[in-house]
Amino acid sequence: MHNEPKKERLDVNQKMVALCVFAAICALSLILIVNLSINTLSGIRAYVAGEGYWAKAQKESIIHLSNYILTEDEEEFDSFKNVLRVNLGDKVARQELLKDEFDYEVTYQGFLEGKNHPDDIPQMIDVFRRLQWTPQVQTSIDAWTKADLKLEQLVQFADSIRLEIQSRDVPLIQKAAWVTELE
């Protein structure tokens, strides 16, 4: 009978240790979940900002191409190509991230060319790699891919216009038709 209080004390101590270990595991789990959530939200926020840069560059490129068509000023065509580097940088990053074995530096440089903040790029890469298989993100990637195809068509259209302008005197009615097609 003399051993029973000691055994009870041992059981209580074991229960306290188990409770403390459980509490520590719960606390660490919560810290990890919160950290993952913050990084995910930061990455998503960066994509929203990046989409703004992408859309602005696309609109500016159309303005420069329209100006080039109307003025035949080569600086406008150069500006068209220069502004499109934002879109093309993001395209490079997306294409690289879709590879099984992606090159971090190529992806980073692509996003940097897309005017994304350097501090945001690691979260952007992480969010893309972790969530690319979810339906919502897959829908966004599909839209991004389609938009990149449209930009390729725009570049081809611009190059063909430039060849026309450089090879002959283009009538104003043709220029107006091209500008209308851009709208």
N, C-alpha and C. Protein backbone atom coordinates (compact mmCIF):
# COMPACT_ATOMS: atom_id res chain seq x y z
N MET A 1 0.80 -1.19 0.00
CA MET A 1 0.00 0.00 0.00
C MET A 1 0.84 1.27 0.00
N HIS A 2 2.04 1.11 0.49
CA HIS A 2 2.92 2.26 0.58
C HIS A 2 3.37 2.74 -0.82
N ASN A 3 3.40 1.83 -1.82
CA ASN A 3 3.83 2.17 -3.18
C ASN A 3 2.73 2.85 -4.00
N GLU A 4 1.49 2.71 -3.62
CA GLU A 4 0.40 3.27 -4.42
C GLU A 4 0.45 4.79 -4.55
N PRO A 5 0.71 5.58 -3.52
CA PRO A 5 0.79 7.03 -3.72
C PRO A 5 1.93 7.41 -4.67
N LYS A 6 3.05 6.68 -4.58
CA LYS A 6 4.16 6.96 -5.49
C LYS A 6 3.75 6.65 -6.92
N LYS A 7 3.04 5.54 -7.12
CA LYS A 7 2.57 5.17 -8.46
C LYS A 7 1.57 6.20 -8.97
N GLU A 8 0.68 6.67 -8.09
CA GLU A 8 -0.28 7.70 -8.49
C GLU A 8 0.44 8.97 -8.90
N ARG A 9 1.48 9.34 -8.13
CA ARG A 9 2.27 10.51 -8.45
C ARG A 9 2.96 10.34 -9.80
N LEU A 10 3.46 9.14 -10.05
CA LEU A 10 4.11 8.84 -11.32
C LEU A 10 3.09 8.94 -12.46
N ASP A 11 1.90 8.42 -12.27
CA ASP A 11 0.85 8.52 -13.29
C ASP A 11 0.48 9.98 -13.55
N VAL A 12 0.39 10.77 -12.49
CA VAL A 12 0.06 12.19 -12.63
C VAL A 12 1.19 12.90 -13.37
N ASN A 13 2.43 12.60 -13.03
CA ASN A 13 3.58 13.21 -13.71
C ASN A 13 3.60 12.82 -15.18
N GLN A 14 3.33 11.56 -15.47
CA GLN A 14 3.30 11.11 -16.87
C GLN A 14 2.19 11.81 -17.64
N LYS A 15 1.05 11.97 -16.98
CA LYS A 15 -0.07 12.67 -17.62
C LYS A 15 0.28 14.13 -17.87
N MET A 16 0.95 14.77 -16.92
CA MET A 16 1.35 16.17 -17.09
C MET A 16 2.36 16.30 -18.24
N VAL A 17 3.31 15.39 -18.30
CA VAL A 17 4.30 15.41 -19.38
C VAL A 17 3.60 15.19 -20.72
N ALA A 18 2.71 14.22 -20.77
CA ALA A 18 1.97 13.95 -22.01
C ALA A 18 1.14 15.17 -22.42
N LEU A 19 0.51 15.81 -21.45
CA LEU A 19 -0.29 17.00 -21.73
C LEU A 19 0.59 18.14 -22.25
N CYS A 20 1.76 18.32 -21.64
CA CYS A 20 2.68 19.38 -22.08
C CYS A 20 3.20 19.08 -23.49
N VAL A 21 3.53 17.83 -23.77
CA VAL A 21 4.00 17.45 -25.11
C VAL A 21 2.89 17.69 -26.13
N PHE A 22 1.67 17.30 -25.79
CA PHE A 22 0.53 17.52 -26.69
C PHE A 22 0.33 19.01 -26.95
N ALA A 23 0.40 19.82 -25.89
CA ALA A 23 0.23 21.27 -26.03
C ALA A 23 1.34 21.86 -26.91
N ALA A 24 2.56 21.38 -26.72
CA ALA A 24 3.68 21.88 -27.53
C ALA A 24 3.50 21.50 -29.00
N ILE A 25 3.06 20.28 -29.25
CA ILE A 25 2.81 19.83 -30.63
C ILE A 25 1.70 20.68 -31.26
N CYS A 26 0.64 20.93 -30.50
CA CYS A 26 -0.45 21.78 -31.01
C CYS A 26 0.04 23.19 -31.31
N ALA A 27 0.84 23.75 -30.41
CA ALA A 27 1.36 25.11 -30.61
C ALA A 27 2.25 25.17 -31.85
N LEU A 28 3.14 24.20 -32.00
CA LEU A 28 4.01 24.17 -33.18
C LEU A 28 3.20 23.98 -34.46
N SER A 29 2.20 23.14 -34.40
CA SER A 29 1.34 22.93 -35.57
C SER A 29 0.64 24.22 -35.96
N LEU A 30 0.12 24.93 -34.98
CA LEU A 30 -0.55 26.20 -35.26
C LEU A 30 0.42 27.23 -35.84
N ILE A 31 1.62 27.27 -35.31
CA ILE A 31 2.63 28.20 -35.84
C ILE A 31 2.93 27.87 -37.29
N LEU A 32 3.09 26.59 -37.60
CA LEU A 32 3.36 26.18 -38.99
C LEU A 32 2.18 26.51 -39.91
N ILE A 33 0.98 26.26 -39.44
CA ILE A 33 -0.22 26.55 -40.26
C ILE A 33 -0.34 28.06 -40.50
N VAL A 34 -0.13 28.86 -39.47
CA VAL A 34 -0.21 30.32 -39.63
C VAL A 34 0.88 30.80 -40.59
N ASN A 35 2.09 30.28 -40.44
CA ASN A 35 3.19 30.67 -41.33
C ASN A 35 2.87 30.30 -42.78
N LEU A 36 2.37 29.11 -43.00
CA LEU A 36 1.99 28.67 -44.34
C LEU A 36 0.87 29.55 -44.90
N SER A 37 -0.09 29.88 -44.06
CA SER A 37 -1.20 30.74 -44.50
C SER A 37 -0.72 32.13 -44.88
N ILE A 38 0.16 32.70 -44.08
CA ILE A 38 0.69 34.04 -44.36
C ILE A 38 1.48 34.03 -45.67
N ASN A 39 2.33 33.01 -45.85
CA ASN A 39 3.10 32.92 -47.09
C ASN A 39 2.20 32.73 -48.30
N THR A 40 1.16 31.93 -48.15
CA THR A 40 0.22 31.71 -49.26
C THR A 40 -0.51 33.00 -49.60
N LEU A 41 -1.01 33.69 -48.59
CA LEU A 41 -1.70 34.97 -48.83
C LEU A 41 -0.76 36.00 -49.45
N SER A 42 0.48 36.02 -49.00
CA SER A 42 1.45 36.95 -49.56
C SER A 42 1.72 36.63 -51.03
N GLY A 43 1.82 35.34 -51.35
CA GLY A 43 2.03 34.94 -52.74
C GLY A 43 0.84 35.29 -53.62
N ILE A 44 -0.36 35.08 -53.11
CA ILE A 44 -1.57 35.41 -53.88
C ILE A 44 -1.66 36.92 -54.08
N ARG A 45 -1.36 37.68 -53.03
CA ARG A 45 -1.35 39.14 -53.15
C ARG A 45 -0.35 39.58 -54.22
N ALA A 46 0.82 38.94 -54.25
CA ALA A 46 1.83 39.28 -55.25
C ALA A 46 1.34 38.98 -56.67
N TYR A 47 0.60 37.88 -56.83
CA TYR A 47 0.03 37.57 -58.15
C TYR A 47 -1.01 38.61 -58.56
N VAL A 48 -1.79 39.08 -57.61
CA VAL A 48 -2.78 40.12 -57.93
C VAL A 48 -2.06 41.39 -58.39
N ALA A 49 -1.01 41.77 -57.68
CA ALA A 49 -0.23 42.95 -58.08
C ALA A 49 0.42 42.70 -59.44
N GLY A 50 0.97 41.50 -59.63
CA GLY A 50 1.61 41.16 -60.90
C GLY A 50 0.64 41.20 -62.07
N GLU A 51 -0.60 40.79 -61.82
CA GLU A 51 -1.61 40.84 -62.89
C GLU A 51 -1.87 42.29 -63.29
N GLY A 52 -1.79 43.18 -62.32
CA GLY A 52 -1.95 44.60 -62.62
C GLY A 52 -0.83 45.12 -63.51
N TYR A 53 0.41 44.73 -63.20
CA TYR A 53 1.55 45.13 -64.04
C TYR A 53 1.40 44.55 -65.44
N TRP A 54 0.96 43.29 -65.50
CA TRP A 54 0.80 42.60 -66.78
C TRP A 54 -0.25 43.32 -67.63
N ALA A 55 -1.39 43.63 -67.04
CA ALA A 55 -2.47 44.29 -67.78
C ALA A 55 -2.05 45.69 -68.23
N LYS A 56 -1.36 46.41 -67.36
CA LYS A 56 -0.90 47.76 -67.71
C LYS A 56 0.07 47.68 -68.89
N ALA A 57 0.99 46.74 -68.85
CA ALA A 57 1.96 46.60 -69.94
C ALA A 57 1.26 46.24 -71.24
N GLN A 58 0.27 45.37 -71.16
CA GLN A 58 -0.47 44.98 -72.37
C GLN A 58 -1.17 46.19 -72.98
N LYS A 59 -1.80 46.99 -72.13
CA LYS A 59 -2.50 48.18 -72.62
C LYS A 59 -1.52 49.20 -73.20
N GLU A 60 -0.41 49.41 -72.50
CA GLU A 60 0.60 50.35 -73.00
C GLU A 60 1.19 49.89 -74.33
N SER A 61 1.37 48.59 -74.47
CA SER A 61 1.94 48.08 -75.73
C SER A 61 1.00 48.38 -76.90
N ILE A 62 -0.29 48.24 -76.68
CA ILE A 62 -1.28 48.55 -77.72
C ILE A 62 -1.22 50.04 -78.09
N ILE A 63 -1.09 50.88 -77.08
CA ILE A 63 -1.00 52.33 -77.33
C ILE A 63 0.24 52.64 -78.18
N HIS A 64 1.38 52.05 -77.80
CA HIS A 64 2.61 52.30 -78.57
C HIS A 64 2.50 51.76 -79.99
N LEU A 65 1.90 50.60 -80.15
CA LEU A 65 1.75 50.05 -81.50
C LEU A 65 0.81 50.92 -82.33
N SER A 66 -0.27 51.38 -81.73
CA SER A 66 -1.19 52.29 -82.44
C SER A 66 -0.47 53.57 -82.86
N ASN A 67 0.31 54.11 -81.94
CA ASN A 67 1.08 55.32 -82.26
C ASN A 67 2.07 55.06 -83.39
N TYR A 68 2.71 53.89 -83.35
CA TYR A 68 3.65 53.54 -84.42
C TYR A 68 2.94 53.48 -85.76
N ILE A 69 1.79 52.85 -85.78
CA ILE A 69 1.03 52.72 -87.03
C ILE A 69 0.71 54.10 -87.60
N LEU A 70 0.28 55.00 -86.74
CA LEU A 70 -0.15 56.33 -87.21
C LEU A 70 1.02 57.26 -87.54
N THR A 71 2.12 57.14 -86.79
CA THR A 71 3.24 58.08 -86.97
C THR A 71 4.43 57.49 -87.72
N GLU A 72 4.50 56.17 -87.76
CA GLU A 72 5.65 55.44 -88.33
C GLU A 72 6.95 55.78 -87.62
N ASP A 73 6.83 56.19 -86.38
CA ASP A 73 7.99 56.53 -85.55
C ASP A 73 8.56 55.25 -84.95
N GLU A 74 9.81 54.92 -85.31
CA GLU A 74 10.45 53.68 -84.85
C GLU A 74 10.58 53.63 -83.32
N GLU A 75 10.69 54.79 -82.69
CA GLU A 75 10.76 54.80 -81.22
C GLU A 75 9.48 54.24 -80.61
N GLU A 76 8.36 54.47 -81.25
CA GLU A 76 7.09 53.91 -80.75
C GLU A 76 7.10 52.39 -80.88
N PHE A 77 7.66 51.88 -81.98
CA PHE A 77 7.73 50.43 -82.14
C PHE A 77 8.69 49.83 -81.11
N ASP A 78 9.82 50.52 -80.88
CA ASP A 78 10.76 50.06 -79.85
C ASP A 78 10.10 50.07 -78.47
N SER A 79 9.30 51.10 -78.20
CA SER A 79 8.59 51.16 -76.91
C SER A 79 7.57 50.03 -76.80
N PHE A 80 6.90 49.72 -77.90
CA PHE A 80 5.97 48.58 -77.94
C PHE A 80 6.69 47.31 -77.51
N LYS A 81 7.83 47.04 -78.13
CA LYS A 81 8.59 45.82 -77.80
C LYS A 81 9.11 45.86 -76.36
N ASN A 82 9.57 47.03 -75.94
CA ASN A 82 10.13 47.17 -74.60
C ASN A 82 9.08 46.93 -73.52
N VAL A 83 7.90 47.50 -73.70
CA VAL A 83 6.82 47.34 -72.72
C VAL A 83 6.38 45.88 -72.65
N LEU A 84 6.39 45.20 -73.78
CA LEU A 84 5.98 43.79 -73.80
C LEU A 84 6.92 42.87 -73.02
N ARG A 85 8.10 43.38 -72.68
CA ARG A 85 9.04 42.56 -71.90
C ARG A 85 8.44 42.16 -70.56
N VAL A 86 7.56 42.99 -70.02
CA VAL A 86 6.87 42.66 -68.76
C VAL A 86 6.06 41.38 -68.96
N ASN A 87 5.26 41.35 -70.01
CA ASN A 87 4.41 40.20 -70.28
C ASN A 87 5.24 38.96 -70.63
N LEU A 88 6.27 39.17 -71.42
CA LEU A 88 7.10 38.04 -71.84
C LEU A 88 7.90 37.47 -70.67
N GLY A 89 8.31 38.33 -69.73
CA GLY A 89 9.00 37.85 -68.54
C GLY A 89 8.11 36.95 -67.71
N ASP A 90 6.86 37.37 -67.52
CA ASP A 90 5.92 36.53 -66.77
C ASP A 90 5.64 35.22 -67.51
N LYS A 91 5.61 35.29 -68.83
CA LYS A 91 5.39 34.07 -69.62
C LYS A 91 6.53 33.08 -69.40
N VAL A 92 7.76 33.58 -69.42
CA VAL A 92 8.92 32.72 -69.18
C VAL A 92 8.81 32.06 -67.81
N ALA A 93 8.43 32.85 -66.80
CA ALA A 93 8.29 32.32 -65.44
C ALA A 93 7.22 31.23 -65.39
N ARG A 94 6.08 31.49 -66.01
CA ARG A 94 4.99 30.50 -66.01
C ARG A 94 5.43 29.21 -66.70
N GLN A 95 6.04 29.35 -67.87
CA GLN A 95 6.47 28.16 -68.60
C GLN A 95 7.50 27.36 -67.81
N GLU A 96 8.38 28.05 -67.13
CA GLU A 96 9.40 27.37 -66.34
C GLU A 96 8.78 26.66 -65.14
N LEU A 97 7.82 27.31 -64.48
CA LEU A 97 7.18 26.71 -63.31
C LEU A 97 6.37 25.47 -63.65
N LEU A 98 5.93 25.37 -64.88
CA LEU A 98 5.14 24.20 -65.28
C LEU A 98 6.01 22.96 -65.52
N LYS A 99 7.32 23.15 -65.57
CA LYS A 99 8.22 22.01 -65.77
C LYS A 99 8.35 21.22 -64.47
N ASP A 100 8.55 19.91 -64.60
CA ASP A 100 8.77 19.09 -63.41
C ASP A 100 10.03 19.54 -62.66
N GLU A 101 11.09 19.77 -63.42
CA GLU A 101 12.36 20.23 -62.85
C GLU A 101 12.58 21.66 -63.34
N PHE A 102 12.06 22.63 -62.60
CA PHE A 102 12.17 24.02 -63.06
C PHE A 102 13.48 24.64 -62.57
N ASP A 103 13.93 25.65 -63.30
CA ASP A 103 15.14 26.40 -62.95
C ASP A 103 14.71 27.63 -62.15
N TYR A 104 15.10 27.67 -60.90
CA TYR A 104 14.69 28.75 -60.00
C TYR A 104 15.14 30.11 -60.54
N GLU A 105 16.39 30.19 -61.00
CA GLU A 105 16.92 31.47 -61.49
C GLU A 105 16.18 31.97 -62.72
N VAL A 106 15.86 31.07 -63.65
CA VAL A 106 15.11 31.46 -64.85
C VAL A 106 13.74 31.99 -64.44
N THR A 107 13.10 31.28 -63.51
CA THR A 107 11.79 31.70 -63.02
C THR A 107 11.87 33.06 -62.33
N TYR A 108 12.86 33.19 -61.46
CA TYR A 108 13.05 34.44 -60.72
C TYR A 108 13.25 35.61 -61.68
N GLN A 109 14.14 35.43 -62.66
CA GLN A 109 14.41 36.50 -63.63
C GLN A 109 13.17 36.83 -64.46
N GLY A 110 12.39 35.81 -64.81
CA GLY A 110 11.16 36.06 -65.55
C GLY A 110 10.19 36.93 -64.77
N PHE A 111 9.98 36.58 -63.50
CA PHE A 111 9.09 37.38 -62.67
C PHE A 111 9.66 38.79 -62.44
N LEU A 112 10.97 38.88 -62.31
CA LEU A 112 11.61 40.19 -62.15
C LEU A 112 11.39 41.05 -63.39
N GLU A 113 11.52 40.44 -64.57
CA GLU A 113 11.25 41.14 -65.83
C GLU A 113 9.78 41.59 -65.88
N GLY A 114 8.91 40.82 -65.22
CA GLY A 114 7.49 41.16 -65.15
C GLY A 114 7.17 42.24 -64.13
N LYS A 115 8.22 42.88 -63.60
CA LYS A 115 8.11 44.00 -62.65
C LYS A 115 7.58 43.58 -61.29
N ASN A 116 7.63 42.30 -60.98
CA ASN A 116 7.23 41.85 -59.65
C ASN A 116 8.34 42.21 -58.66
N HIS A 117 7.94 42.54 -57.44
CA HIS A 117 8.92 42.93 -56.43
C HIS A 117 9.79 41.72 -56.08
N PRO A 118 11.11 41.92 -56.00
CA PRO A 118 12.02 40.79 -55.70
C PRO A 118 11.66 40.03 -54.42
N ASP A 119 11.16 40.74 -53.41
CA ASP A 119 10.80 40.07 -52.15
C ASP A 119 9.57 39.18 -52.30
N ASP A 120 8.74 39.45 -53.31
CA ASP A 120 7.51 38.68 -53.52
C ASP A 120 7.74 37.41 -54.33
N ILE A 121 8.81 37.38 -55.09
CA ILE A 121 9.00 36.29 -56.06
C ILE A 121 9.11 34.92 -55.40
N PRO A 122 9.84 34.75 -54.29
CA PRO A 122 9.87 33.41 -53.67
C PRO A 122 8.48 32.89 -53.29
N GLN A 123 7.61 33.77 -52.77
CA GLN A 123 6.25 33.34 -52.42
C GLN A 123 5.45 33.02 -53.68
N MET A 124 5.67 33.78 -54.74
CA MET A 124 4.97 33.51 -56.00
C MET A 124 5.34 32.13 -56.53
N ILE A 125 6.61 31.82 -56.47
CA ILE A 125 7.08 30.51 -56.93
C ILE A 125 6.48 29.42 -56.05
N ASP A 126 6.53 29.62 -54.74
CA ASP A 126 6.01 28.62 -53.80
C ASP A 126 4.52 28.38 -54.00
N VAL A 127 3.74 29.45 -54.12
CA VAL A 127 2.29 29.32 -54.30
C VAL A 127 1.99 28.58 -55.61
N PHE A 128 2.66 28.94 -56.67
CA PHE A 128 2.43 28.29 -57.96
C PHE A 128 2.73 26.79 -57.85
N ARG A 129 3.88 26.45 -57.29
CA ARG A 129 4.28 25.04 -57.22
C ARG A 129 3.35 24.22 -56.32
N ARG A 130 2.92 24.82 -55.21
CA ARG A 130 2.06 24.08 -54.28
C ARG A 130 0.61 23.98 -54.74
N LEU A 131 0.11 25.02 -55.41
CA LEU A 131 -1.32 25.09 -55.69
C LEU A 131 -1.69 24.93 -57.16
N GLN A 132 -0.72 24.69 -58.03
CA GLN A 132 -1.01 24.66 -59.46
C GLN A 132 -2.01 23.58 -59.86
N TRP A 133 -2.22 22.60 -59.01
CA TRP A 133 -3.14 21.50 -59.36
C TRP A 133 -4.55 21.74 -58.85
N THR A 134 -4.75 22.81 -58.09
CA THR A 134 -6.11 23.10 -57.61
C THR A 134 -6.93 23.68 -58.76
N PRO A 135 -8.23 23.42 -58.78
CA PRO A 135 -9.06 23.91 -59.90
C PRO A 135 -9.01 25.43 -60.08
N GLN A 136 -9.01 26.17 -58.97
CA GLN A 136 -9.01 27.62 -59.07
C GLN A 136 -7.71 28.13 -59.70
N VAL A 137 -6.60 27.60 -59.26
CA VAL A 137 -5.31 28.03 -59.81
C VAL A 137 -5.15 27.53 -61.23
N GLN A 138 -5.62 26.33 -61.51
CA GLN A 138 -5.55 25.79 -62.87
C GLN A 138 -6.33 26.67 -63.84
N THR A 139 -7.48 27.17 -63.41
CA THR A 139 -8.27 28.08 -64.24
C THR A 139 -7.47 29.35 -64.54
N SER A 140 -6.80 29.88 -63.53
CA SER A 140 -5.98 31.08 -63.72
C SER A 140 -4.81 30.81 -64.66
N ILE A 141 -4.17 29.67 -64.51
CA ILE A 141 -3.05 29.31 -65.38
C ILE A 141 -3.53 29.17 -66.82
N ASP A 142 -4.69 28.56 -67.01
CA ASP A 142 -5.24 28.42 -68.36
C ASP A 142 -5.52 29.79 -68.99
N ALA A 143 -6.09 30.70 -68.21
CA ALA A 143 -6.36 32.05 -68.72
C ALA A 143 -5.06 32.77 -69.06
N TRP A 144 -4.06 32.60 -68.21
CA TRP A 144 -2.74 33.20 -68.43
C TRP A 144 -2.12 32.65 -69.72
N THR A 145 -2.23 31.35 -69.92
CA THR A 145 -1.69 30.71 -71.13
C THR A 145 -2.39 31.25 -72.38
N LYS A 146 -3.70 31.36 -72.33
CA LYS A 146 -4.45 31.89 -73.47
C LYS A 146 -4.07 33.34 -73.75
N ALA A 147 -3.88 34.12 -72.71
CA ALA A 147 -3.48 35.52 -72.88
C ALA A 147 -2.09 35.61 -73.51
N ASP A 148 -1.20 34.71 -73.11
CA ASP A 148 0.14 34.70 -73.71
C ASP A 148 0.08 34.36 -75.19
N LEU A 149 -0.83 33.46 -75.57
CA LEU A 149 -1.00 33.13 -76.99
C LEU A 149 -1.50 34.35 -77.76
N LYS A 150 -2.41 35.09 -77.16
CA LYS A 150 -2.91 36.31 -77.81
C LYS A 150 -1.78 37.33 -77.98
N LEU A 151 -0.90 37.41 -76.99
CA LEU A 151 0.23 38.33 -77.10
C LEU A 151 1.19 37.91 -78.21
N GLU A 152 1.37 36.60 -78.37
CA GLU A 152 2.20 36.11 -79.48
C GLU A 152 1.60 36.54 -80.81
N GLN A 153 0.28 36.44 -80.92
CA GLN A 153 -0.40 36.88 -82.14
C GLN A 153 -0.24 38.39 -82.33
N LEU A 154 -0.29 39.13 -81.24
CA LEU A 154 -0.09 40.58 -81.32
C LEU A 154 1.31 40.91 -81.84
N VAL A 155 2.31 40.21 -81.34
CA VAL A 155 3.69 40.45 -81.79
C VAL A 155 3.82 40.12 -83.27
N GLN A 156 3.23 39.01 -83.70
CA GLN A 156 3.27 38.66 -85.13
C GLN A 156 2.56 39.72 -85.97
N PHE A 157 1.43 40.18 -85.49
CA PHE A 157 0.67 41.23 -86.18
C PHE A 157 1.52 42.50 -86.28
N ALA A 158 2.15 42.86 -85.17
CA ALA A 158 2.98 44.07 -85.14
C ALA A 158 4.16 43.94 -86.10
N ASP A 159 4.79 42.78 -86.12
CA ASP A 159 5.93 42.58 -87.03
C ASP A 159 5.49 42.67 -88.49
N SER A 160 4.33 42.12 -88.80
CA SER A 160 3.84 42.19 -90.18
C SER A 160 3.49 43.64 -90.56
N ILE A 161 2.93 44.38 -89.63
CA ILE A 161 2.62 45.80 -89.88
C ILE A 161 3.92 46.57 -90.13
N ARG A 162 4.91 46.29 -89.30
CA ARG A 162 6.19 46.99 -89.45
C ARG A 162 6.80 46.72 -90.83
N LEU A 163 6.75 45.47 -91.26
CA LEU A 163 7.27 45.14 -92.60
C LEU A 163 6.52 45.91 -93.68
N GLU A 164 5.20 45.98 -93.54
CA GLU A 164 4.38 46.73 -94.51
C GLU A 164 4.79 48.20 -94.53
N ILE A 165 4.91 48.78 -93.35
CA ILE A 165 5.25 50.21 -93.26
C ILE A 165 6.64 50.48 -93.83
N GLN A 166 7.57 49.57 -93.56
CA GLN A 166 8.94 49.77 -94.05
C GLN A 166 9.07 49.53 -95.55
N SER A 167 8.16 48.75 -96.12
CA SER A 167 8.30 48.39 -97.53
C SER A 167 7.55 49.31 -98.49
N ARG A 168 6.57 50.06 -97.97
CA ARG A 168 5.79 50.89 -98.89
C ARG A 168 5.12 52.03 -98.14
N ASP A 169 4.51 52.91 -98.90
CA ASP A 169 3.74 54.01 -98.33
C ASP A 169 2.33 53.49 -98.06
N VAL A 170 2.01 53.31 -96.78
CA VAL A 170 0.73 52.70 -96.40
C VAL A 170 -0.36 53.78 -96.37
N PRO A 171 -1.48 53.53 -97.07
CA PRO A 171 -2.58 54.50 -97.06
C PRO A 171 -3.18 54.65 -95.65
N LEU A 172 -3.68 55.83 -95.38
CA LEU A 172 -4.27 56.13 -94.07
C LEU A 172 -5.44 55.21 -93.75
N ILE A 173 -6.20 54.82 -94.75
CA ILE A 173 -7.34 53.93 -94.51
C ILE A 173 -6.88 52.56 -93.99
N GLN A 174 -5.73 52.09 -94.50
CA GLN A 174 -5.17 50.82 -94.02
C GLN A 174 -4.69 50.97 -92.58
N LYS A 175 -4.05 52.10 -92.29
CA LYS A 175 -3.59 52.35 -90.92
C LYS A 175 -4.77 52.39 -89.95
N ALA A 176 -5.83 53.04 -90.37
CA ALA A 176 -7.03 53.12 -89.52
C ALA A 176 -7.61 51.73 -89.29
N ALA A 177 -7.57 50.88 -90.30
CA ALA A 177 -8.07 49.51 -90.16
C ALA A 177 -7.22 48.73 -89.16
N TRP A 178 -5.91 48.91 -89.22
CA TRP A 178 -5.03 48.22 -88.27
C TRP A 178 -5.30 48.68 -86.84
N VAL A 179 -5.43 49.98 -86.66
CA VAL A 179 -5.70 50.52 -85.32
C VAL A 179 -7.03 50.00 -84.80
N THR A 180 -8.03 49.95 -85.67
CA THR A 180 -9.34 49.41 -85.28
C THR A 180 -9.21 47.94 -84.89
N GLU A 181 -8.41 47.20 -85.61
CA GLU A 181 -8.21 45.78 -85.29
C GLU A 181 -7.55 45.61 -83.92
N LEU A 182 -6.71 46.54 -83.55
CA LEU A 182 -6.06 46.48 -82.23
C LEU A 182 -7.04 46.70 -81.09
N GLU A 183 -8.08 47.48 -81.38
CA GLU A 183 -9.05 47.78 -80.32
C GLU A 183 -9.89 46.57 -80.07
